[in-house]
Amino acid sequence: MEWLDKLLNPAVLPLLIPIVAIIGAFAIAGLKAHHRHQERIERIKNGLDPDAK
């Protein structure tokens, strides 16, 4: 696991934190959009107005 030792090196770790945060933010935004889309599709399938809250 030499790559893990290099990755967790104190000189490299501060650079990884913002990268992981940015990737995580995009992943959460994508999942939220997917969930909203799935809910909208289910409302349409059930014959409900998808724009009504």
Foldseek 3Di string as FASTA:
>chain_A
DVVVVVCPPPVNVVVVVVVVVVVVVVVVVVVVVVVLVVQLVVCVVVVHDSVDD
